[in-house]
């Protein structure tokens, strides 16, 4: 439904089907729409399995929380059975994800490129391939906004509010968070960047968000250029660091 302001701007006080059609027509004429490339059947299956994995993990966490609060022995046993079943399903989903990654990599070179980065495992690879088709195909600043790890301006007149990250694709951001967390210990580039931020007095949460954005931009450039992970590629690293110059003073929004 179009906002009321759209009707007022066109000097319409009433709302009818012909007026609606005219407003929508003008919107279509003035707004440039970029259609996403349709997913193949294999990619749709890949995405479905990836999303099911997130659901199973959520249910495991819920059941474990119920077990903590449970005081009835019989109910607790049922919860244990449920957790056991869900963990078994999670194990099967992980195996299936690895199989799909191997199959998809035959047709999509981006899969191997993404998976070559230390800290990026099968789950993050699956999420980026299926939930972020714009990776490597759009502007660097735009990809960060799509995921929700770019500091957004909040300025009006002389007031310049604190920039915060907000919005974006939650599923992608969650996967990227875990990947960045692992990368701060296993990826030499991200680990060095993370420690440098902490030494400058940045809070751990803020530093981790900056690492998420850095990791995303590195992956974006790698996919765009068709390059596998190369920690010695100083030019690519320098570009990623430069783009983060204004991104280390933001905080996580909701």
Protein backbone atom coordinates (compact mmCIF):
# COMPACT_ATOMS: atom_id res chain seq x y z
CA UNK A 1 0.00 0.00 0.00
CA UNK A 2 1.39 3.39 -0.98
CA UNK A 3 1.84 5.99 1.79
CA UNK A 4 -0.76 8.72 2.30
CA UNK A 5 1.85 11.35 1.37
CA UNK A 6 1.94 9.98 -2.20
CA UNK A 7 -1.74 10.81 -2.65
CA UNK A 8 -1.42 14.26 -1.09
CA UNK A 9 1.58 15.06 -3.28
CA UNK A 10 -0.60 14.36 -6.33
CA UNK A 11 -3.39 16.51 -4.82
CA UNK A 12 -5.70 13.55 -4.24
CA UNK A 13 -7.82 13.71 -1.09
CA UNK A 14 -9.82 10.59 -1.89
CA UNK A 15 -8.72 7.05 -2.61
CA UNK A 16 -10.21 5.03 -5.48
CA UNK A 17 -9.01 2.20 -7.71
CA UNK A 18 -8.32 4.51 -10.71
CA UNK A 19 -6.31 6.87 -8.45
CA UNK A 20 -4.40 3.89 -7.02
CA UNK A 21 -3.62 2.62 -10.52
CA UNK A 22 -2.40 6.06 -11.62
CA UNK A 23 -0.12 6.47 -8.57
CA UNK A 24 1.33 2.98 -9.07
CA UNK A 25 1.89 3.71 -12.78
CA UNK A 26 3.81 6.89 -11.96
CA UNK A 27 5.87 5.00 -9.39
CA UNK A 28 6.78 2.37 -12.00
CA UNK A 29 7.78 5.05 -14.51
CA UNK A 30 9.99 6.99 -12.10
CA UNK A 31 11.68 4.22 -10.10
CA UNK A 32 14.34 2.08 -11.76
CA UNK A 33 13.91 -1.54 -10.72
CA UNK A 34 16.72 -4.09 -10.92
CA UNK A 35 15.49 -7.66 -11.09
CA UNK A 36 17.50 -10.33 -9.33
CA UNK A 37 18.66 -13.37 -11.28
CA UNK A 38 16.25 -16.27 -10.65
CA UNK A 39 17.65 -19.13 -8.59
CA UNK A 40 18.15 -22.50 -10.23
CA UNK A 41 16.40 -25.56 -8.79
CA UNK A 42 19.67 -26.65 -7.19
CA UNK A 43 20.16 -23.22 -5.61
CA UNK A 44 16.57 -23.29 -4.30
CA UNK A 45 17.24 -26.66 -2.66
CA UNK A 46 20.49 -25.29 -1.28
CA UNK A 47 18.68 -22.31 0.25
CA UNK A 48 15.90 -24.48 1.69
CA UNK A 49 18.41 -26.72 3.46
CA UNK A 50 20.33 -23.69 4.74
CA UNK A 51 17.15 -22.12 6.16
CA UNK A 52 16.06 -25.42 7.68
CA UNK A 53 19.37 -25.60 9.51
CA UNK A 54 18.72 -22.20 11.09
CA UNK A 55 15.27 -23.41 12.17
CA UNK A 56 16.69 -26.57 13.75
CA UNK A 57 19.34 -24.63 15.68
CA UNK A 58 16.65 -22.25 16.94
CA UNK A 59 14.52 -25.17 18.13
CA UNK A 60 17.51 -26.80 19.87
CA UNK A 61 18.18 -23.57 21.77
CA UNK A 62 14.50 -23.30 22.71
CA UNK A 63 14.39 -26.89 24.01
CA UNK A 64 17.60 -26.47 25.97
CA UNK A 65 16.16 -23.35 27.61
CA UNK A 66 12.99 -25.30 28.48
CA UNK A 67 15.11 -28.06 30.00
CA UNK A 68 16.79 -25.54 32.30
CA UNK A 69 13.40 -24.39 33.61
CA UNK A 70 11.84 -27.87 33.70
CA UNK A 71 11.27 -29.37 37.16
CA UNK A 72 9.29 -32.45 36.08
CA UNK A 73 11.31 -35.61 35.40
CA UNK A 74 8.95 -37.05 32.76
CA UNK A 75 8.73 -33.76 30.89
CA UNK A 76 12.50 -33.44 31.04
CA UNK A 77 12.90 -36.84 29.41
CA UNK A 78 10.62 -35.81 26.56
CA UNK A 79 12.69 -32.66 26.09
CA UNK A 80 15.88 -34.75 26.01
CA UNK A 81 14.37 -36.94 23.29
CA UNK A 82 13.43 -33.86 21.29
CA UNK A 83 16.94 -32.39 21.59
CA UNK A 84 18.49 -35.71 20.59
CA UNK A 85 16.27 -35.89 17.49
CA UNK A 86 17.00 -32.29 16.50
CA UNK A 87 20.76 -32.72 16.91
CA UNK A 88 20.60 -35.83 14.73
CA UNK A 89 18.74 -33.82 12.09
CA UNK A 90 21.30 -31.02 12.38
CA UNK A 91 24.11 -33.49 11.71
CA UNK A 92 22.28 -34.73 8.60
CA UNK A 93 21.69 -31.16 7.42
CA UNK A 94 25.39 -30.30 7.80
CA UNK A 95 26.33 -33.32 5.69
CA UNK A 96 23.76 -32.33 3.06
CA UNK A 97 25.04 -28.75 3.00
CA UNK A 98 28.58 -29.94 2.28
CA UNK A 99 27.22 -32.13 -0.52
CA UNK A 100 25.30 -29.24 -2.07
CA UNK A 101 28.34 -26.96 -1.80
CA UNK A 102 30.43 -29.50 -3.70
CA UNK A 103 27.74 -29.81 -6.40
CA UNK A 104 27.08 -26.08 -6.70
CA UNK A 105 30.80 -25.28 -6.95
CA UNK A 106 30.89 -27.13 -10.30
CA UNK A 107 28.62 -24.49 -11.88
CA UNK A 108 29.28 -21.49 -9.62
CA UNK A 109 32.96 -20.52 -9.13
CA UNK A 110 31.97 -18.09 -6.37
CA UNK A 111 31.36 -21.03 -4.03
CA UNK A 112 35.00 -22.09 -3.95
CA UNK A 113 36.13 -18.47 -3.71
CA UNK A 114 33.95 -17.81 -0.64
CA UNK A 115 34.89 -21.11 1.00
CA UNK A 116 38.62 -20.40 0.58
CA UNK A 117 38.56 -17.61 3.21
CA UNK A 118 39.70 -18.72 6.70
CA UNK A 119 36.79 -18.43 9.13
CA UNK A 120 34.12 -18.93 6.46
CA UNK A 121 32.65 -22.41 6.83
CA UNK A 122 29.97 -24.34 4.92
CA UNK A 123 27.07 -22.59 6.66
CA UNK A 124 28.30 -19.08 5.87
CA UNK A 125 29.16 -20.14 2.33
CA UNK A 126 25.67 -21.54 1.84
CA UNK A 127 24.05 -18.41 3.29
CA UNK A 128 26.05 -15.98 1.17
CA UNK A 129 25.46 -17.96 -2.03
CA UNK A 130 21.70 -18.27 -1.58
CA UNK A 131 20.71 -15.21 0.45
CA UNK A 132 23.06 -12.59 -1.02
CA UNK A 133 23.14 -12.98 -4.83
CA UNK A 134 24.34 -9.35 -5.08
CA UNK A 135 27.74 -10.34 -3.65
CA UNK A 136 30.40 -9.26 -6.12
CA UNK A 137 27.85 -7.64 -8.44
CA UNK A 138 27.11 -4.26 -6.84
CA UNK A 139 28.89 -1.32 -5.21
CA UNK A 140 30.93 -2.00 -2.07
CA UNK A 141 28.98 0.50 0.03
CA UNK A 142 25.67 -0.93 -1.14
CA UNK A 143 26.56 -4.52 -0.25
CA UNK A 144 27.35 -3.45 3.32
CA UNK A 145 23.98 -1.70 3.58
CA UNK A 146 22.16 -4.73 2.18
CA UNK A 147 23.57 -6.88 4.97
CA UNK A 148 23.14 -4.20 7.64
CA UNK A 149 26.77 -3.69 8.66
CA UNK A 150 27.24 -0.18 7.23
CA UNK A 151 27.13 2.83 9.58
CA UNK A 152 24.17 4.95 8.45
CA UNK A 153 24.14 8.72 8.81
CA UNK A 154 21.57 10.43 11.03
CA UNK A 155 21.96 14.13 10.29
CA UNK A 156 19.53 17.03 10.31
CA UNK A 157 20.59 20.67 10.23
CA UNK A 158 23.42 21.18 12.70
CA UNK A 159 22.65 17.92 14.46
CA UNK A 160 24.85 15.01 13.44
CA UNK A 161 23.80 11.91 15.37
CA UNK A 162 25.89 8.86 16.05
CA UNK A 163 26.07 6.56 13.06
CA UNK A 164 24.57 3.14 13.66
CA UNK A 165 24.20 -0.07 11.72
CA UNK A 166 20.62 -1.20 11.29
CA UNK A 167 18.31 -3.04 8.95
CA UNK A 168 19.65 -5.42 6.33
CA UNK A 169 19.25 -9.16 5.86
CA UNK A 170 19.15 -10.77 9.27
CA UNK A 171 19.97 -14.30 8.06
CA UNK A 172 23.10 -13.11 6.27
CA UNK A 173 24.17 -10.91 9.18
CA UNK A 174 23.87 -13.79 11.66
CA UNK A 175 26.01 -16.06 9.52
CA UNK A 176 28.54 -13.28 8.96
CA UNK A 177 28.69 -12.63 12.71
CA UNK A 178 29.74 -16.22 13.44
CA UNK A 179 32.23 -16.18 10.55
CA UNK A 180 33.79 -12.93 11.80
CA UNK A 181 33.96 -14.32 15.33
CA UNK A 182 35.93 -17.34 14.09
CA UNK A 183 38.00 -15.16 11.76
CA UNK A 184 39.25 -13.00 14.67
CA UNK A 185 41.17 -16.11 15.78
CA UNK A 186 41.84 -18.06 12.58
CA UNK A 187 42.08 -15.47 9.82
CA UNK A 188 45.39 -13.55 10.00
CA UNK A 189 44.02 -10.44 8.25
CA UNK A 190 40.85 -10.16 10.32
CA UNK A 191 42.64 -11.12 13.55
CA UNK A 192 45.23 -8.38 13.08
CA UNK A 193 42.54 -5.83 12.24
CA UNK A 194 40.49 -6.86 15.31
CA UNK A 195 43.45 -6.56 17.69
CA UNK A 196 44.37 -3.17 16.25
CA UNK A 197 40.86 -1.87 16.96
CA UNK A 198 40.98 -3.17 20.54
CA UNK A 199 44.36 -1.53 21.09
CA UNK A 200 42.82 1.76 19.97
CA UNK A 201 40.26 1.40 22.75
CA UNK A 202 37.29 0.28 20.66
CA UNK A 203 34.68 -1.87 22.49
CA UNK A 204 34.74 -5.55 21.54
CA UNK A 205 31.24 -5.48 20.09
CA UNK A 206 32.01 -2.48 17.91
CA UNK A 207 35.30 -4.04 16.79
CA UNK A 208 33.51 -7.24 15.83
CA UNK A 209 30.96 -5.33 13.74
CA UNK A 210 33.83 -3.64 11.93
CA UNK A 211 35.36 -7.08 11.32
CA UNK A 212 32.04 -8.28 9.88
CA UNK A 213 32.06 -5.41 7.43
CA UNK A 214 35.71 -5.93 6.54
CA UNK A 215 35.19 -9.64 5.97
CA UNK A 216 32.13 -8.95 3.81
CA UNK A 217 34.01 -6.42 1.67
CA UNK A 218 36.94 -8.79 1.23
CA UNK A 219 34.55 -11.53 0.09
CA UNK A 220 32.76 -9.05 -2.19
CA UNK A 221 36.01 -8.03 -3.91
CA UNK A 222 37.18 -11.63 -4.22
CA UNK A 223 33.94 -12.74 -5.91
CA UNK A 224 33.89 -9.69 -8.17
CA UNK A 225 37.50 -10.25 -9.29
CA UNK A 226 37.28 -14.05 -9.36
CA UNK A 227 40.21 -14.38 -6.92
CA UNK A 228 40.77 -17.07 -4.32
CA UNK A 229 41.91 -16.13 -0.79
CA UNK A 230 45.38 -14.58 -0.80
CA UNK A 231 46.50 -12.95 2.48
CA UNK A 232 49.52 -11.48 0.68
CA UNK A 233 47.34 -9.44 -1.66
CA UNK A 234 48.15 -6.09 -0.06
CA UNK A 235 46.22 -4.08 -2.62
CA UNK A 236 42.93 -5.82 -1.82
CA UNK A 237 43.58 -5.56 1.89
CA UNK A 238 44.44 -1.88 1.61
CA UNK A 239 41.16 -1.15 -0.18
CA UNK A 240 39.17 -2.98 2.47
CA UNK A 241 40.88 -1.10 5.30
CA UNK A 242 40.37 2.25 3.57
CA UNK A 243 36.66 1.60 3.14
CA UNK A 244 36.38 0.97 6.85
CA UNK A 245 37.87 4.29 7.87
CA UNK A 246 34.43 5.64 8.79
CA UNK A 247 32.96 2.35 9.87
CA UNK A 248 34.69 1.81 13.21
CA UNK A 249 32.68 4.42 15.09
CA UNK A 250 29.29 2.83 14.61
CA UNK A 251 27.20 0.70 16.92
CA UNK A 252 24.78 -2.13 16.31
CA UNK A 253 21.19 -1.07 15.77
CA UNK A 254 18.03 -3.18 16.01
